[in-house]
Amino acid sequence: HGMMTLQPAAPEVGAADDYGFSLLVQWPSVGTATAYVVELRESGSPQVERFVRQVPMQAVGPLVELRVGGLRPTGPGRIYIAQ
């Protein structure tokens, strides 16, 4: 009781490889968090995929990151949105 849950800032999404098969999602860490949930979807698509990442005990630093691989790009210019 009395604990306020802080929502982290919106994540940044970038390419993790040169071919569009993986993404890197980064966001500022929240010191009291024990886990983060990232929802990823292709722009314009209603389908959302949810990823849960536990915060490692030794985690130090201002950023948390999640790498998502195994994507299958259907064409150039695909845009992904994370929240």
C-alpha atoms as a PDB file:
ATOM      1  CA  HIS A   1       0.000   0.000   0.000  1.00  0.00           C
ATOM      2  CA  GLY A   2       1.112   3.526  -0.628  1.00  0.00           C
ATOM      3  CA  MET A   3       3.515   2.471  -3.401  1.00  0.00           C
ATOM      4  CA  MET A   4       3.065   4.373  -6.619  1.00  0.00           C
ATOM      5  CA  THR A   5       3.762   2.534  -9.861  1.00  0.00           C
ATOM      6  CA  LEU A   6       5.749   4.649 -12.292  1.00  0.00           C
ATOM      7  CA  GLN A   7       5.290   4.036 -15.975  1.00  0.00           C
ATOM      8  CA  PRO A   8       8.544   4.220 -17.944  1.00  0.00           C
ATOM      9  CA  ALA A   9       8.940   6.607 -20.853  1.00  0.00           C
ATOM     10  CA  ALA A  10       7.923   5.438 -24.333  1.00  0.00           C
ATOM     11  CA  PRO A  11      10.508   3.040 -25.773  1.00  0.00           C
ATOM     12  CA  GLU A  12      12.640   3.714 -28.819  1.00  0.00           C
ATOM     13  CA  VAL A  13      12.646   1.106 -31.596  1.00  0.00           C
ATOM     14  CA  GLY A  14      15.554   0.620 -33.976  1.00  0.00           C
ATOM     15  CA  ALA A  15      16.996  -1.991 -36.295  1.00  0.00           C
ATOM     16  CA  ALA A  16      19.261  -4.556 -34.663  1.00  0.00           C
ATOM     17  CA  ASP A  17      20.531  -5.905 -37.982  1.00  0.00           C
ATOM     18  CA  ASP A  18      20.914  -4.751 -41.577  1.00  0.00           C
ATOM     19  CA  TYR A  19      18.186  -6.999 -42.994  1.00  0.00           C
ATOM     20  CA  GLY A  20      15.119  -6.184 -40.887  1.00  0.00           C
ATOM     21  CA  PHE A  21      14.985  -9.535 -39.095  1.00  0.00           C
ATOM     22  CA  SER A  22      15.505  -8.120 -35.601  1.00  0.00           C
ATOM     23  CA  LEU A  23      14.729  -4.999 -33.592  1.00  0.00           C
ATOM     24  CA  LEU A  24      16.270  -3.335 -30.572  1.00  0.00           C
ATOM     25  CA  VAL A  25      13.802  -1.753 -28.144  1.00  0.00           C
ATOM     26  CA  GLN A  26      15.294   0.577 -25.492  1.00  0.00           C
ATOM     27  CA  TRP A  27      13.730   2.631 -22.706  1.00  0.00           C
ATOM     28  CA  PRO A  28      14.873   4.459 -19.550  1.00  0.00           C
ATOM     29  CA  SER A  29      15.057   2.221 -16.495  1.00  0.00           C
ATOM     30  CA  VAL A  30      12.839   2.703 -13.467  1.00  0.00           C
ATOM     31  CA  GLY A  31      14.782   2.020 -10.263  1.00  0.00           C
ATOM     32  CA  THR A  32      11.978   0.206  -8.444  1.00  0.00           C
ATOM     33  CA  ALA A  33      10.911  -2.031 -11.351  1.00  0.00           C
ATOM     34  CA  THR A  34      11.300  -5.805 -11.109  1.00  0.00           C
ATOM     35  CA  ALA A  35      10.036  -6.502 -14.645  1.00  0.00           C
ATOM     36  CA  TYR A  36       9.013  -4.686 -17.805  1.00  0.00           C
ATOM     37  CA  VAL A  37       6.319  -5.513 -20.353  1.00  0.00           C
ATOM     38  CA  VAL A  38       6.841  -4.408 -23.951  1.00  0.00           C
ATOM     39  CA  GLU A  39       4.069  -4.668 -26.529  1.00  0.00           C
ATOM     40  CA  LEU A  40       5.259  -4.695 -30.136  1.00  0.00           C
ATOM     41  CA  ARG A  41       3.174  -4.412 -33.276  1.00  0.00           C
ATOM     42  CA  GLU A  42       3.624  -3.492 -36.887  1.00  0.00           C
ATOM     43  CA  SER A  43       2.242  -0.039 -37.671  1.00  0.00           C
ATOM     44  CA  GLY A  44      -1.319  -0.353 -38.955  1.00  0.00           C
ATOM     45  CA  SER A  45      -1.753  -3.879 -37.609  1.00  0.00           C
ATOM     46  CA  PRO A  46      -4.111  -4.720 -34.741  1.00  0.00           C
ATOM     47  CA  GLN A  47      -1.991  -7.753 -33.735  1.00  0.00           C
ATOM     48  CA  VAL A  48       0.162  -7.144 -30.665  1.00  0.00           C
ATOM     49  CA  GLU A  49       2.917  -9.383 -29.354  1.00  0.00           C
ATOM     50  CA  ARG A  50       3.781  -9.033 -25.675  1.00  0.00           C
ATOM     51  CA  PHE A  51       7.271  -9.567 -24.248  1.00  0.00           C
ATOM     52  CA  VAL A  52       8.053  -9.684 -20.519  1.00  0.00           C
ATOM     53  CA  ARG A  53      11.583  -8.996 -19.336  1.00  0.00           C
ATOM     54  CA  GLN A  54      12.720  -9.484 -15.754  1.00  0.00           C
ATOM     55  CA  VAL A  55      15.208  -6.947 -14.454  1.00  0.00           C
ATOM     56  CA  PRO A  56      18.510  -8.733 -13.674  1.00  0.00           C
ATOM     57  CA  MET A  57      19.807  -8.339 -10.106  1.00  0.00           C
ATOM     58  CA  GLN A  58      23.068  -6.805 -11.359  1.00  0.00           C
ATOM     59  CA  ALA A  59      21.326  -4.395 -13.755  1.00  0.00           C
ATOM     60  CA  VAL A  60      23.049  -1.037 -13.705  1.00  0.00           C
ATOM     61  CA  GLY A  61      22.606   1.821 -16.097  1.00  0.00           C
ATOM     62  CA  PRO A  62      20.094   4.275 -17.426  1.00  0.00           C
ATOM     63  CA  LEU A  63      18.691   2.070 -20.232  1.00  0.00           C
ATOM     64  CA  VAL A  64      16.926  -1.262 -20.442  1.00  0.00           C
ATOM     65  CA  GLU A  65      16.891  -3.067 -23.759  1.00  0.00           C
ATOM     66  CA  LEU A  66      15.069  -5.909 -25.399  1.00  0.00           C
ATOM     67  CA  ARG A  67      16.178  -7.522 -28.657  1.00  0.00           C
ATOM     68  CA  VAL A  68      13.460  -9.132 -30.738  1.00  0.00           C
ATOM     69  CA  GLY A  69      14.580 -11.487 -33.502  1.00  0.00           C
ATOM     70  CA  GLY A  70      12.960 -13.793 -35.986  1.00  0.00           C
ATOM     71  CA  LEU A  71      10.955 -11.097 -37.755  1.00  0.00           C
ATOM     72  CA  ARG A  72       9.942 -11.735 -41.353  1.00  0.00           C
ATOM     73  CA  PRO A  73       9.880  -8.489 -43.277  1.00  0.00           C
ATOM     74  CA  THR A  74       7.396  -8.544 -46.143  1.00  0.00           C
ATOM     75  CA  GLY A  75       8.843  -5.490 -47.805  1.00  0.00           C
ATOM     76  CA  PRO A  76      10.839  -2.331 -47.324  1.00  0.00           C
ATOM     77  CA  GLY A  77       9.596   0.392 -45.044  1.00  0.00           C
ATOM     78  CA  ARG A  78       7.923  -1.735 -42.371  1.00  0.00           C
ATOM     79  CA  ILE A  79       7.419   0.280 -39.218  1.00  0.00           C
ATOM     80  CA  TYR A  80       7.140  -1.243 -35.752  1.00  0.00           C
ATOM     81  CA  ILE A  81       5.651   0.441 -32.698  1.00  0.00           C
ATOM     82  CA  ALA A  82       6.462  -0.486 -29.087  1.00  0.00           C
ATOM     83  CA  GLN A  83       4.710   0.536 -25.912  1.00  0.00           C
END
